[in-house]
Amino acid sequence: MGTPRLIGFSSFGDTSAGVLTVAHLTRDIPFDVRRVFWTYGTPTDRTRGGHAHFSTEAVLVAVSGKITVSTELADGAQEVFVLDSPAYGLYLPPLCWRTMKYSASAVQVTFESHDYAEEDYIHRLEDLRGMLGKASRKR
């Protein structure tokens, strides 16, 4: 199983003229992108996410504002990532629980490896932890 990690994108320019950041989908994103969506206008007191996927991989990018992403993996490892620049994204592997908190101006773009399918979602952290315990005992 993979681990969440930051992915850097190529950026050109500077603040005097503006910056262009490029995500080469076949080079920078570690999977074939099947779906792209964006999240914005999320109240600062609202937490989003609260799920994992059986198969879907994702890369989250804060194109504006700040997004704090908390993750939990199969081995129980937990990490917190702060996305506050469109020059990098956060890779999330399958079976990776995620929750996101947004600043008032945050806009998130998400690249995913699969089309939407409700059956790919794990909505209860307890269910994921149950599967994770079984997976770690098989090693």
C-alpha atoms as a PDB file:
ATOM      1  CA  MET A   1       0.000   0.000   0.000  1.00  0.00           C
ATOM      2  CA  GLY A   2       1.226   3.508  -0.755  1.00  0.00           C
ATOM      3  CA  THR A   3       1.597   6.332   1.706  1.00  0.00           C
ATOM      4  CA  PRO A   4       0.351   9.903   1.501  1.00  0.00           C
ATOM      5  CA  ARG A   5       3.056  12.175   0.150  1.00  0.00           C
ATOM      6  CA  LEU A   6       3.503  15.615  -1.317  1.00  0.00           C
ATOM      7  CA  ILE A   7       4.065  15.903  -5.069  1.00  0.00           C
ATOM      8  CA  GLY A   8       5.812  18.984  -6.461  1.00  0.00           C
ATOM      9  CA  PHE A   9       4.724  20.558  -9.743  1.00  0.00           C
ATOM     10  CA  SER A  10       6.822  22.732 -12.075  1.00  0.00           C
ATOM     11  CA  SER A  11       6.342  26.467 -11.536  1.00  0.00           C
ATOM     12  CA  PHE A  12       7.525  29.321 -13.729  1.00  0.00           C
ATOM     13  CA  GLY A  13       7.573  33.076 -13.164  1.00  0.00           C
ATOM     14  CA  ASP A  14       7.512  35.219 -10.045  1.00  0.00           C
ATOM     15  CA  THR A  15       5.193  37.462  -8.071  1.00  0.00           C
ATOM     16  CA  SER A  16       6.057  40.526 -10.188  1.00  0.00           C
ATOM     17  CA  ALA A  17       4.541  39.032 -13.346  1.00  0.00           C
ATOM     18  CA  GLY A  18       2.600  36.040 -12.064  1.00  0.00           C
ATOM     19  CA  VAL A  19       3.337  32.351 -11.697  1.00  0.00           C
ATOM     20  CA  LEU A  20       2.337  29.443 -13.918  1.00  0.00           C
ATOM     21  CA  THR A  21       2.261  25.988 -12.342  1.00  0.00           C
ATOM     22  CA  VAL A  22       1.952  22.882 -14.519  1.00  0.00           C
ATOM     23  CA  ALA A  23       0.840  19.383 -13.526  1.00  0.00           C
ATOM     24  CA  HIS A  24       1.928  16.954 -16.239  1.00  0.00           C
ATOM     25  CA  LEU A  25      -0.730  14.301 -15.759  1.00  0.00           C
ATOM     26  CA  THR A  26       1.332  11.422 -17.156  1.00  0.00           C
ATOM     27  CA  ARG A  27       4.490  12.402 -15.268  1.00  0.00           C
ATOM     28  CA  ASP A  28       3.455  14.098 -12.021  1.00  0.00           C
ATOM     29  CA  ILE A  29       0.255  12.225 -11.120  1.00  0.00           C
ATOM     30  CA  PRO A  30       1.060   8.581 -10.185  1.00  0.00           C
ATOM     31  CA  PHE A  31      -2.079   7.137 -11.853  1.00  0.00           C
ATOM     32  CA  ASP A  32      -4.267   7.628 -14.919  1.00  0.00           C
ATOM     33  CA  VAL A  33      -6.680  10.475 -14.134  1.00  0.00           C
ATOM     34  CA  ARG A  34     -10.331   9.530 -14.723  1.00  0.00           C
ATOM     35  CA  ARG A  35     -12.103  12.293 -12.809  1.00  0.00           C
ATOM     36  CA  VAL A  36     -11.382  15.891 -11.784  1.00  0.00           C
ATOM     37  CA  PHE A  37     -13.513  17.979  -9.434  1.00  0.00           C
ATOM     38  CA  TRP A  38     -13.138  21.112  -7.317  1.00  0.00           C
ATOM     39  CA  THR A  39     -14.420  22.128  -3.902  1.00  0.00           C
ATOM     40  CA  TYR A  40     -14.919  25.748  -2.838  1.00  0.00           C
ATOM     41  CA  GLY A  41     -17.051  27.911  -0.579  1.00  0.00           C
ATOM     42  CA  THR A  42     -16.675  25.476   2.322  1.00  0.00           C
ATOM     43  CA  PRO A  43     -17.423  27.164   5.672  1.00  0.00           C
ATOM     44  CA  THR A  44     -14.341  27.328   7.921  1.00  0.00           C
ATOM     45  CA  ASP A  45     -16.185  25.497  10.720  1.00  0.00           C
ATOM     46  CA  ARG A  46     -17.002  22.535   8.443  1.00  0.00           C
ATOM     47  CA  THR A  47     -14.858  19.394   8.083  1.00  0.00           C
ATOM     48  CA  ARG A  48     -15.125  17.559   4.757  1.00  0.00           C
ATOM     49  CA  GLY A  49     -13.925  14.166   3.640  1.00  0.00           C
ATOM     50  CA  GLY A  50     -14.425  11.707   6.469  1.00  0.00           C
ATOM     51  CA  HIS A  51     -13.993   8.711   4.184  1.00  0.00           C
ATOM     52  CA  ALA A  52     -11.545   6.401   2.450  1.00  0.00           C
ATOM     53  CA  HIS A  53     -11.728   4.512  -0.842  1.00  0.00           C
ATOM     54  CA  PHE A  54     -11.238   0.815  -1.545  1.00  0.00           C
ATOM     55  CA  SER A  55      -9.601   1.433  -4.955  1.00  0.00           C
ATOM     56  CA  THR A  56      -9.478   5.118  -5.819  1.00  0.00           C
ATOM     57  CA  GLU A  57      -6.235   7.077  -5.638  1.00  0.00           C
ATOM     58  CA  ALA A  58      -6.358  10.874  -5.428  1.00  0.00           C
ATOM     59  CA  VAL A  59      -4.189  13.971  -5.590  1.00  0.00           C
ATOM     60  CA  LEU A  60      -5.502  17.063  -3.776  1.00  0.00           C
ATOM     61  CA  VAL A  61      -4.296  20.553  -4.725  1.00  0.00           C
ATOM     62  CA  ALA A  62      -5.089  23.795  -2.906  1.00  0.00           C
ATOM     63  CA  VAL A  63      -5.235  26.208  -5.848  1.00  0.00           C
ATOM     64  CA  SER A  64      -6.206  28.979  -3.427  1.00  0.00           C
ATOM     65  CA  GLY A  65      -6.193  29.370   0.351  1.00  0.00           C
ATOM     66  CA  LYS A  66      -5.155  26.729   2.856  1.00  0.00           C
ATOM     67  CA  ILE A  67      -6.388  23.168   3.358  1.00  0.00           C
ATOM     68  CA  THR A  68      -5.357  21.051   6.347  1.00  0.00           C
ATOM     69  CA  VAL A  69      -5.607  17.332   5.521  1.00  0.00           C
ATOM     70  CA  SER A  70      -5.462  14.658   8.249  1.00  0.00           C
ATOM     71  CA  THR A  71      -4.792  11.072   7.109  1.00  0.00           C
ATOM     72  CA  GLU A  72      -4.753   7.610   8.672  1.00  0.00           C
ATOM     73  CA  LEU A  73      -3.181   4.499   7.102  1.00  0.00           C
ATOM     74  CA  ALA A  74      -3.433   0.734   7.455  1.00  0.00           C
ATOM     75  CA  ASP A  75      -0.642   0.567  10.009  1.00  0.00           C
ATOM     76  CA  GLY A  76      -2.334   3.243  12.121  1.00  0.00           C
ATOM     77  CA  ALA A  77       0.106   5.956  11.034  1.00  0.00           C
ATOM     78  CA  GLN A  78      -1.502   9.366  11.131  1.00  0.00           C
ATOM     79  CA  GLU A  79      -0.182  12.496   9.443  1.00  0.00           C
ATOM     80  CA  VAL A  80      -1.319  16.057   8.974  1.00  0.00           C
ATOM     81  CA  PHE A  81      -0.503  17.931   5.762  1.00  0.00           C
ATOM     82  CA  VAL A  82      -1.014  21.635   5.148  1.00  0.00           C
ATOM     83  CA  LEU A  83      -1.709  22.518   1.526  1.00  0.00           C
ATOM     84  CA  ASP A  84      -1.206  26.246   1.034  1.00  0.00           C
ATOM     85  CA  SER A  85       0.400  26.511  -2.415  1.00  0.00           C
ATOM     86  CA  PRO A  86      -0.788  25.350  -5.845  1.00  0.00           C
ATOM     87  CA  ALA A  87       2.828  24.323  -6.569  1.00  0.00           C
ATOM     88  CA  TYR A  88       2.293  20.915  -4.945  1.00  0.00           C
ATOM     89  CA  GLY A  89      -0.395  18.331  -4.338  1.00  0.00           C
ATOM     90  CA  LEU A  90      -1.056  15.589  -1.809  1.00  0.00           C
ATOM     91  CA  TYR A  91      -1.180  11.998  -3.053  1.00  0.00           C
ATOM     92  CA  LEU A  92      -3.705   9.791  -1.209  1.00  0.00           C
ATOM     93  CA  PRO A  93      -3.535   6.020  -1.842  1.00  0.00           C
ATOM     94  CA  PRO A  94      -6.472   3.601  -1.509  1.00  0.00           C
ATOM     95  CA  LEU A  95      -7.472   2.722   2.069  1.00  0.00           C
ATOM     96  CA  CYS A  96      -6.312   6.127   3.309  1.00  0.00           C
ATOM     97  CA  TRP A  97      -8.785   7.934   5.564  1.00  0.00           C
ATOM     98  CA  ARG A  98      -8.862  11.681   5.000  1.00  0.00           C
ATOM     99  CA  THR A  99     -10.511  14.726   6.544  1.00  0.00           C
ATOM    100  CA  MET A 100     -10.084  18.269   5.299  1.00  0.00           C
ATOM    101  CA  LYS A 101     -10.472  21.713   6.927  1.00  0.00           C
ATOM    102  CA  TYR A 102     -10.554  24.784   4.675  1.00  0.00           C
ATOM    103  CA  SER A 103      -9.676  28.442   5.054  1.00  0.00           C
ATOM    104  CA  ALA A 104     -12.334  30.904   3.889  1.00  0.00           C
ATOM    105  CA  SER A 105     -10.702  31.374   0.470  1.00  0.00           C
ATOM    106  CA  ALA A 106      -9.765  27.736  -0.152  1.00  0.00           C
ATOM    107  CA  VAL A 107     -10.334  26.135  -3.527  1.00  0.00           C
ATOM    108  CA  GLN A 108      -9.376  22.462  -3.853  1.00  0.00           C
ATOM    109  CA  VAL A 109      -8.929  20.586  -7.124  1.00  0.00           C
ATOM    110  CA  THR A 110      -8.951  16.800  -6.875  1.00  0.00           C
ATOM    111  CA  PHE A 111      -7.598  14.366  -9.479  1.00  0.00           C
ATOM    112  CA  GLU A 112      -8.888  10.786  -9.076  1.00  0.00           C
ATOM    113  CA  SER A 113      -8.015   7.442 -10.617  1.00  0.00           C
ATOM    114  CA  HIS A 114     -11.613   6.180 -10.896  1.00  0.00           C
ATOM    115  CA  ASP A 115     -15.013   7.515 -11.825  1.00  0.00           C
ATOM    116  CA  TYR A 116     -17.410   8.092  -8.926  1.00  0.00           C
ATOM    117  CA  ALA A 117     -18.824   4.846  -7.516  1.00  0.00           C
ATOM    118  CA  GLU A 118     -20.612   4.805  -4.163  1.00  0.00           C
ATOM    119  CA  GLU A 119     -19.488   1.214  -3.536  1.00  0.00           C
ATOM    120  CA  ASP A 120     -15.841   2.382  -3.538  1.00  0.00           C
ATOM    121  CA  TYR A 121     -16.393   4.576  -0.452  1.00  0.00           C
ATOM    122  CA  ILE A 122     -15.707   3.590   3.160  1.00  0.00           C
ATOM    123  CA  HIS A 123     -17.798   5.986   5.258  1.00  0.00           C
ATOM    124  CA  ARG A 124     -17.062   4.707   8.767  1.00  0.00           C
ATOM    125  CA  LEU A 125     -13.582   4.978  10.237  1.00  0.00           C
ATOM    126  CA  GLU A 126     -14.366   1.976  12.449  1.00  0.00           C
ATOM    127  CA  ASP A 127     -14.951  -0.144   9.334  1.00  0.00           C
ATOM    128  CA  LEU A 128     -11.628   0.955   7.859  1.00  0.00           C
ATOM    129  CA  ARG A 129      -9.798   0.273  11.119  1.00  0.00           C
ATOM    130  CA  GLY A 130     -11.367  -3.209  11.206  1.00  0.00           C
ATOM    131  CA  MET A 131     -10.075  -3.926   7.714  1.00  0.00           C
ATOM    132  CA  LEU A 132      -6.705  -2.423   8.533  1.00  0.00           C
ATOM    133  CA  GLY A 133      -6.280  -4.657  11.577  1.00  0.00           C
ATOM    134  CA  LYS A 134      -6.990  -7.726   9.465  1.00  0.00           C
ATOM    135  CA  ALA A 135      -4.572  -6.552   6.765  1.00  0.00           C
ATOM    136  CA  SER A 136      -1.720  -5.929   9.230  1.00  0.00           C
ATOM    137  CA  ARG A 137      -2.227  -9.339  10.901  1.00  0.00           C
ATOM    138  CA  LYS A 138      -1.819 -11.106   7.499  1.00  0.00           C
ATOM    139  CA  ARG A 139       1.780  -9.849   7.091  1.00  0.00           C
END
